[in-house]
């Protein structure tokens, strides 16, 4: 009979144990209000603008080369040209076509590299901020005896008392030192 009681206690003990303490973090909100994330996003946005300007400049250059190429091709069809003039015009058009194709290839590679660099920086931002959130969530969970911290995006329903997002944002911003030299100690405005 003692072994049956012991078995009953082993099976039921987890059910009788204290409920698990849970915390919820809204990662998107932290990304929008954490000063470090705001500064990095602004830097990425500036890089995007610079890349777009460079891409537009190169696209304008390609348009000019295409116009020049079309003009050269049209010249090869001029009925007033003699045979040697046509050969010369065709050679010029072929050289311009090769140059244009090379520039198109260079342009496509430039766009691909620019997109890759921006994507890499965005990934680094996310990984960096997630690491900060995780570290701060660990500290808060120890302080508040929270056993599990979940991202809000993974919960269907949660009581607002479980949300530790504001505490994480507050602690992260308090410990973050701006690397923005133009800011001279000023924190960026929070986005709402």
C-alpha atoms as a PDB file:
ATOM      1  CA  UNK A   1       0.000   0.000   0.000  1.00  0.00           C
ATOM      2  CA  UNK A   2       2.933   2.328   0.725  1.00  0.00           C
ATOM      3  CA  UNK A   3       4.266   1.875  -2.816  1.00  0.00           C
ATOM      4  CA  UNK A   4       0.877   2.772  -4.289  1.00  0.00           C
ATOM      5  CA  UNK A   5       0.779   5.972  -2.214  1.00  0.00           C
ATOM      6  CA  UNK A   6       4.303   6.851  -3.296  1.00  0.00           C
ATOM      7  CA  UNK A   7       3.395   6.249  -6.938  1.00  0.00           C
ATOM      8  CA  UNK A   8       0.293   8.419  -6.542  1.00  0.00           C
ATOM      9  CA  UNK A   9       2.408  11.238  -5.097  1.00  0.00           C
ATOM     10  CA  UNK A  10       4.943  10.987  -7.929  1.00  0.00           C
ATOM     11  CA  UNK A  11       2.224  11.187 -10.579  1.00  0.00           C
ATOM     12  CA  UNK A  12       0.217  13.955  -8.912  1.00  0.00           C
ATOM     13  CA  UNK A  13       3.081  16.055  -7.564  1.00  0.00           C
ATOM     14  CA  UNK A  14       3.520  18.069 -10.778  1.00  0.00           C
ATOM     15  CA  UNK A  15      -0.217  18.765 -10.801  1.00  0.00           C
ATOM     16  CA  UNK A  16      -0.137  19.993  -7.210  1.00  0.00           C
ATOM     17  CA  UNK A  17       2.938  22.139  -7.734  1.00  0.00           C
ATOM     18  CA  UNK A  18       2.691  25.922  -7.770  1.00  0.00           C
ATOM     19  CA  UNK A  19       1.630  27.424 -11.113  1.00  0.00           C
ATOM     20  CA  UNK A  20       4.349  28.533 -13.458  1.00  0.00           C
ATOM     21  CA  UNK A  21       5.008  32.262 -13.401  1.00  0.00           C
ATOM     22  CA  UNK A  22       4.981  33.739 -16.910  1.00  0.00           C
ATOM     23  CA  UNK A  23       6.073  37.050 -18.382  1.00  0.00           C
ATOM     24  CA  UNK A  24       5.185  38.460 -21.795  1.00  0.00           C
ATOM     25  CA  UNK A  25       7.363  40.745 -23.964  1.00  0.00           C
ATOM     26  CA  UNK A  26       6.126  42.716 -26.984  1.00  0.00           C
ATOM     27  CA  UNK A  27       9.302  42.554 -29.091  1.00  0.00           C
ATOM     28  CA  UNK A  28       7.910  44.899 -31.772  1.00  0.00           C
ATOM     29  CA  UNK A  29       7.205  47.536 -29.124  1.00  0.00           C
ATOM     30  CA  UNK A  30      10.739  47.205 -27.762  1.00  0.00           C
ATOM     31  CA  UNK A  31      12.111  47.613 -31.295  1.00  0.00           C
ATOM     32  CA  UNK A  32      10.090  50.828 -31.664  1.00  0.00           C
ATOM     33  CA  UNK A  33      10.970  52.328 -28.282  1.00  0.00           C
ATOM     34  CA  UNK A  34      14.475  51.080 -27.462  1.00  0.00           C
ATOM     35  CA  UNK A  35      16.845  53.958 -28.237  1.00  0.00           C
ATOM     36  CA  UNK A  36      19.566  51.656 -29.539  1.00  0.00           C
ATOM     37  CA  UNK A  37      17.150  50.069 -32.029  1.00  0.00           C
ATOM     38  CA  UNK A  38      15.861  53.499 -33.043  1.00  0.00           C
ATOM     39  CA  UNK A  39      19.400  54.745 -33.755  1.00  0.00           C
ATOM     40  CA  UNK A  40      20.373  51.632 -35.704  1.00  0.00           C
ATOM     41  CA  UNK A  41      17.137  51.779 -37.743  1.00  0.00           C
ATOM     42  CA  UNK A  42      17.821  55.451 -38.527  1.00  0.00           C
ATOM     43  CA  UNK A  43      21.311  54.511 -39.684  1.00  0.00           C
ATOM     44  CA  UNK A  44      19.896  51.736 -41.866  1.00  0.00           C
ATOM     45  CA  UNK A  45      17.269  54.118 -43.277  1.00  0.00           C
ATOM     46  CA  UNK A  46      20.028  56.584 -44.153  1.00  0.00           C
ATOM     47  CA  UNK A  47      21.967  53.789 -45.884  1.00  0.00           C
ATOM     48  CA  UNK A  48      18.828  52.899 -47.845  1.00  0.00           C
ATOM     49  CA  UNK A  49      18.472  56.523 -48.978  1.00  0.00           C
ATOM     50  CA  UNK A  50      22.135  56.709 -50.024  1.00  0.00           C
ATOM     51  CA  UNK A  51      21.815  53.397 -51.897  1.00  0.00           C
ATOM     52  CA  UNK A  52      18.635  54.541 -53.653  1.00  0.00           C
ATOM     53  CA  UNK A  53      20.345  57.766 -54.745  1.00  0.00           C
ATOM     54  CA  UNK A  54      23.341  55.820 -56.090  1.00  0.00           C
ATOM     55  CA  UNK A  55      21.039  53.353 -57.856  1.00  0.00           C
ATOM     56  CA  UNK A  56      19.058  56.201 -59.419  1.00  0.00           C
ATOM     57  CA  UNK A  57      22.290  57.877 -60.589  1.00  0.00           C
ATOM     58  CA  UNK A  58      23.447  54.650 -62.193  1.00  0.00           C
ATOM     59  CA  UNK A  59      20.009  54.081 -63.733  1.00  0.00           C
ATOM     60  CA  UNK A  60      20.143  57.583 -65.261  1.00  0.00           C
ATOM     61  CA  UNK A  61      23.590  56.795 -66.651  1.00  0.00           C
ATOM     62  CA  UNK A  62      22.230  53.542 -68.129  1.00  0.00           C
ATOM     63  CA  UNK A  63      19.331  55.419 -69.711  1.00  0.00           C
ATOM     64  CA  UNK A  64      21.796  57.807 -71.352  1.00  0.00           C
ATOM     65  CA  UNK A  65      23.927  54.911 -72.605  1.00  0.00           C
ATOM     66  CA  UNK A  66      20.799  53.184 -73.962  1.00  0.00           C
ATOM     67  CA  UNK A  67      19.766  56.358 -75.796  1.00  0.00           C
ATOM     68  CA  UNK A  68      23.267  56.641 -77.280  1.00  0.00           C
ATOM     69  CA  UNK A  69      23.224  52.953 -78.265  1.00  0.00           C
ATOM     70  CA  UNK A  70      19.806  53.312 -79.918  1.00  0.00           C
ATOM     71  CA  UNK A  71      21.118  56.316 -81.841  1.00  0.00           C
ATOM     72  CA  UNK A  72      24.149  54.310 -83.027  1.00  0.00           C
ATOM     73  CA  UNK A  73      21.948  51.408 -84.112  1.00  0.00           C
ATOM     74  CA  UNK A  74      19.711  53.798 -86.002  1.00  0.00           C
ATOM     75  CA  UNK A  75      22.771  55.233 -87.777  1.00  0.00           C
ATOM     76  CA  UNK A  76      23.683  51.750 -89.063  1.00  0.00           C
ATOM     77  CA  UNK A  77      20.390  51.739 -90.957  1.00  0.00           C
ATOM     78  CA  UNK A  78      20.974  55.080 -92.669  1.00  0.00           C
ATOM     79  CA  UNK A  79      20.460  54.479 -96.405  1.00  0.00           C
ATOM     80  CA  UNK A  80      22.878  57.303 -97.277  1.00  0.00           C
ATOM     81  CA  UNK A  81      25.878  55.506 -95.749  1.00  0.00           C
ATOM     82  CA  UNK A  82      28.231  53.732 -98.116  1.00  0.00           C
ATOM     83  CA  UNK A  83      29.473  50.214 -97.322  1.00  0.00           C
ATOM     84  CA  UNK A  84      32.526  51.323 -95.311  1.00  0.00           C
ATOM     85  CA  UNK A  85      30.398  53.856 -93.400  1.00  0.00           C
ATOM     86  CA  UNK A  86      27.900  51.122 -92.529  1.00  0.00           C
ATOM     87  CA  UNK A  87      30.701  48.825 -91.310  1.00  0.00           C
ATOM     88  CA  UNK A  88      32.142  51.628 -89.198  1.00  0.00           C
ATOM     89  CA  UNK A  89      28.687  52.454 -87.753  1.00  0.00           C
ATOM     90  CA  UNK A  90      28.035  48.758 -87.048  1.00  0.00           C
ATOM     91  CA  UNK A  91      31.383  48.383 -85.279  1.00  0.00           C
ATOM     92  CA  UNK A  92      30.638  51.467 -83.189  1.00  0.00           C
ATOM     93  CA  UNK A  93      27.144  50.162 -82.350  1.00  0.00           C
ATOM     94  CA  UNK A  94      28.547  46.750 -81.412  1.00  0.00           C
ATOM     95  CA  UNK A  95      31.153  48.337 -79.106  1.00  0.00           C
ATOM     96  CA  UNK A  96      28.452  50.489 -77.487  1.00  0.00           C
ATOM     97  CA  UNK A  97      26.172  47.446 -77.108  1.00  0.00           C
ATOM     98  CA  UNK A  98      28.939  45.511 -75.345  1.00  0.00           C
ATOM     99  CA  UNK A  99      29.691  48.484 -73.106  1.00  0.00           C
ATOM    100  CA  UNK A 100      25.995  48.887 -72.340  1.00  0.00           C
ATOM    101  CA  UNK A 101      25.606  45.199 -71.464  1.00  0.00           C
ATOM    102  CA  UNK A 102      28.634  45.360 -69.168  1.00  0.00           C
ATOM    103  CA  UNK A 103      27.179  48.420 -67.452  1.00  0.00           C
ATOM    104  CA  UNK A 104      23.828  46.649 -67.044  1.00  0.00           C
ATOM    105  CA  UNK A 105      25.632  43.690 -65.429  1.00  0.00           C
ATOM    106  CA  UNK A 106      27.575  46.065 -63.158  1.00  0.00           C
ATOM    107  CA  UNK A 107      24.332  47.845 -62.245  1.00  0.00           C
ATOM    108  CA  UNK A 108      22.578  44.588 -61.357  1.00  0.00           C
ATOM    109  CA  UNK A 109      25.547  43.522 -59.217  1.00  0.00           C
ATOM    110  CA  UNK A 110      25.603  46.924 -57.506  1.00  0.00           C
ATOM    111  CA  UNK A 111      21.880  46.670 -56.670  1.00  0.00           C
ATOM    112  CA  UNK A 112      22.334  43.112 -55.393  1.00  0.00           C
ATOM    113  CA  UNK A 113      25.294  44.149 -53.192  1.00  0.00           C
ATOM    114  CA  UNK A 114      23.445  47.183 -51.820  1.00  0.00           C
ATOM    115  CA  UNK A 115      20.406  45.072 -50.954  1.00  0.00           C
ATOM    116  CA  UNK A 116      22.614  42.415 -49.374  1.00  0.00           C
ATOM    117  CA  UNK A 117      24.440  44.938 -47.192  1.00  0.00           C
ATOM    118  CA  UNK A 118      21.202  46.521 -46.017  1.00  0.00           C
ATOM    119  CA  UNK A 119      19.660  43.116 -45.310  1.00  0.00           C
ATOM    120  CA  UNK A 120      22.770  42.102 -43.379  1.00  0.00           C
ATOM    121  CA  UNK A 121      22.601  45.260 -41.253  1.00  0.00           C
ATOM    122  CA  UNK A 122      18.884  44.704 -40.590  1.00  0.00           C
ATOM    123  CA  UNK A 123      19.612  41.122 -39.510  1.00  0.00           C
ATOM    124  CA  UNK A 124      22.421  42.328 -37.240  1.00  0.00           C
ATOM    125  CA  UNK A 125      20.031  44.910 -35.728  1.00  0.00           C
ATOM    126  CA  UNK A 126      17.454  42.260 -34.993  1.00  0.00           C
ATOM    127  CA  UNK A 127      19.982  39.827 -33.512  1.00  0.00           C
ATOM    128  CA  UNK A 128      21.634  42.555 -31.440  1.00  0.00           C
ATOM    129  CA  UNK A 129      18.368  43.905 -30.036  1.00  0.00           C
ATOM    130  CA  UNK A 130      16.948  40.415 -29.415  1.00  0.00           C
ATOM    131  CA  UNK A 131      20.100  39.593 -27.437  1.00  0.00           C
ATOM    132  CA  UNK A 132      19.611  42.764 -25.364  1.00  0.00           C
ATOM    133  CA  UNK A 133      15.928  41.913 -24.800  1.00  0.00           C
ATOM    134  CA  UNK A 134      16.790  38.363 -23.784  1.00  0.00           C
ATOM    135  CA  UNK A 135      19.455  39.555 -21.336  1.00  0.00           C
ATOM    136  CA  UNK A 136      17.124  42.119 -19.785  1.00  0.00           C
ATOM    137  CA  UNK A 137      14.250  39.602 -19.635  1.00  0.00           C
ATOM    138  CA  UNK A 138      16.551  37.227 -17.720  1.00  0.00           C
ATOM    139  CA  UNK A 139      17.359  39.961 -15.180  1.00  0.00           C
ATOM    140  CA  UNK A 140      13.718  40.924 -14.711  1.00  0.00           C
ATOM    141  CA  UNK A 141      12.620  37.291 -14.501  1.00  0.00           C
ATOM    142  CA  UNK A 142      15.079  36.726 -11.652  1.00  0.00           C
ATOM    143  CA  UNK A 143      13.924  39.877  -9.858  1.00  0.00           C
ATOM    144  CA  UNK A 144      10.228  38.979 -10.195  1.00  0.00           C
ATOM    145  CA  UNK A 145      10.583  35.198  -9.891  1.00  0.00           C
ATOM    146  CA  UNK A 146       9.250  34.682 -13.407  1.00  0.00           C
ATOM    147  CA  UNK A 147       9.935  31.195 -14.712  1.00  0.00           C
ATOM    148  CA  UNK A 148       9.008  31.638 -18.388  1.00  0.00           C
ATOM    149  CA  UNK A 149       9.155  34.710 -20.618  1.00  0.00           C
ATOM    150  CA  UNK A 150       7.386  34.509 -23.973  1.00  0.00           C
ATOM    151  CA  UNK A 151       7.169  36.916 -26.888  1.00  0.00           C
ATOM    152  CA  UNK A 152       3.711  38.448 -27.142  1.00  0.00           C
ATOM    153  CA  UNK A 153       3.469  37.272 -30.761  1.00  0.00           C
ATOM    154  CA  UNK A 154       3.396  33.666 -29.503  1.00  0.00           C
ATOM    155  CA  UNK A 155       0.470  34.171 -27.133  1.00  0.00           C
ATOM    156  CA  UNK A 156      -3.179  34.193 -28.093  1.00  0.00           C
ATOM    157  CA  UNK A 157      -4.418  35.705 -24.859  1.00  0.00           C
ATOM    158  CA  UNK A 158      -2.527  37.136 -21.932  1.00  0.00           C
ATOM    159  CA  UNK A 159      -3.346  39.237 -18.923  1.00  0.00           C
ATOM    160  CA  UNK A 160      -1.755  42.683 -18.997  1.00  0.00           C
ATOM    161  CA  UNK A 161      -0.248  42.000 -15.560  1.00  0.00           C
ATOM    162  CA  UNK A 162       2.086  39.484 -17.228  1.00  0.00           C
ATOM    163  CA  UNK A 163       3.518  42.102 -19.627  1.00  0.00           C
ATOM    164  CA  UNK A 164       7.089  43.125 -18.745  1.00  0.00           C
ATOM    165  CA  UNK A 165       7.687  45.078 -21.966  1.00  0.00           C
ATOM    166  CA  UNK A 166       7.713  48.537 -20.370  1.00  0.00           C
ATOM    167  CA  UNK A 167      10.167  47.404 -17.696  1.00  0.00           C
ATOM    168  CA  UNK A 168      12.471  45.978 -20.355  1.00  0.00           C
ATOM    169  CA  UNK A 169      12.304  49.176 -22.438  1.00  0.00           C
ATOM    170  CA  UNK A 170      12.906  51.354 -19.398  1.00  0.00           C
ATOM    171  CA  UNK A 171      15.903  49.312 -18.227  1.00  0.00           C
ATOM    172  CA  UNK A 172      17.412  49.037 -21.711  1.00  0.00           C
ATOM    173  CA  UNK A 173      17.113  52.778 -22.355  1.00  0.00           C
ATOM    174  CA  UNK A 174      18.517  53.596 -18.914  1.00  0.00           C
ATOM    175  CA  UNK A 175      21.618  51.506 -19.545  1.00  0.00           C
ATOM    176  CA  UNK A 176      22.117  52.448 -23.224  1.00  0.00           C
ATOM    177  CA  UNK A 177      24.690  55.085 -24.077  1.00  0.00           C
ATOM    178  CA  UNK A 178      24.079  56.688 -27.446  1.00  0.00           C
ATOM    179  CA  UNK A 179      26.759  56.188 -30.061  1.00  0.00           C
ATOM    180  CA  UNK A 180      25.289  58.988 -32.164  1.00  0.00           C
ATOM    181  CA  UNK A 181      27.991  61.711 -32.148  1.00  0.00           C
ATOM    182  CA  UNK A 182      25.507  64.323 -33.355  1.00  0.00           C
ATOM    183  CA  UNK A 183      23.220  63.521 -30.441  1.00  0.00           C
ATOM    184  CA  UNK A 184      25.766  64.676 -27.830  1.00  0.00           C
ATOM    185  CA  UNK A 185      23.908  62.820 -25.126  1.00  0.00           C
ATOM    186  CA  UNK A 186      20.410  63.448 -26.460  1.00  0.00           C
ATOM    187  CA  UNK A 187      18.245  60.384 -26.763  1.00  0.00           C
ATOM    188  CA  UNK A 188      16.203  60.014 -29.948  1.00  0.00           C
ATOM    189  CA  UNK A 189      12.500  60.663 -29.619  1.00  0.00           C
ATOM    190  CA  UNK A 190      10.392  57.597 -29.017  1.00  0.00           C
ATOM    191  CA  UNK A 191       8.200  56.461 -31.895  1.00  0.00           C
ATOM    192  CA  UNK A 192       4.603  55.708 -31.088  1.00  0.00           C
END
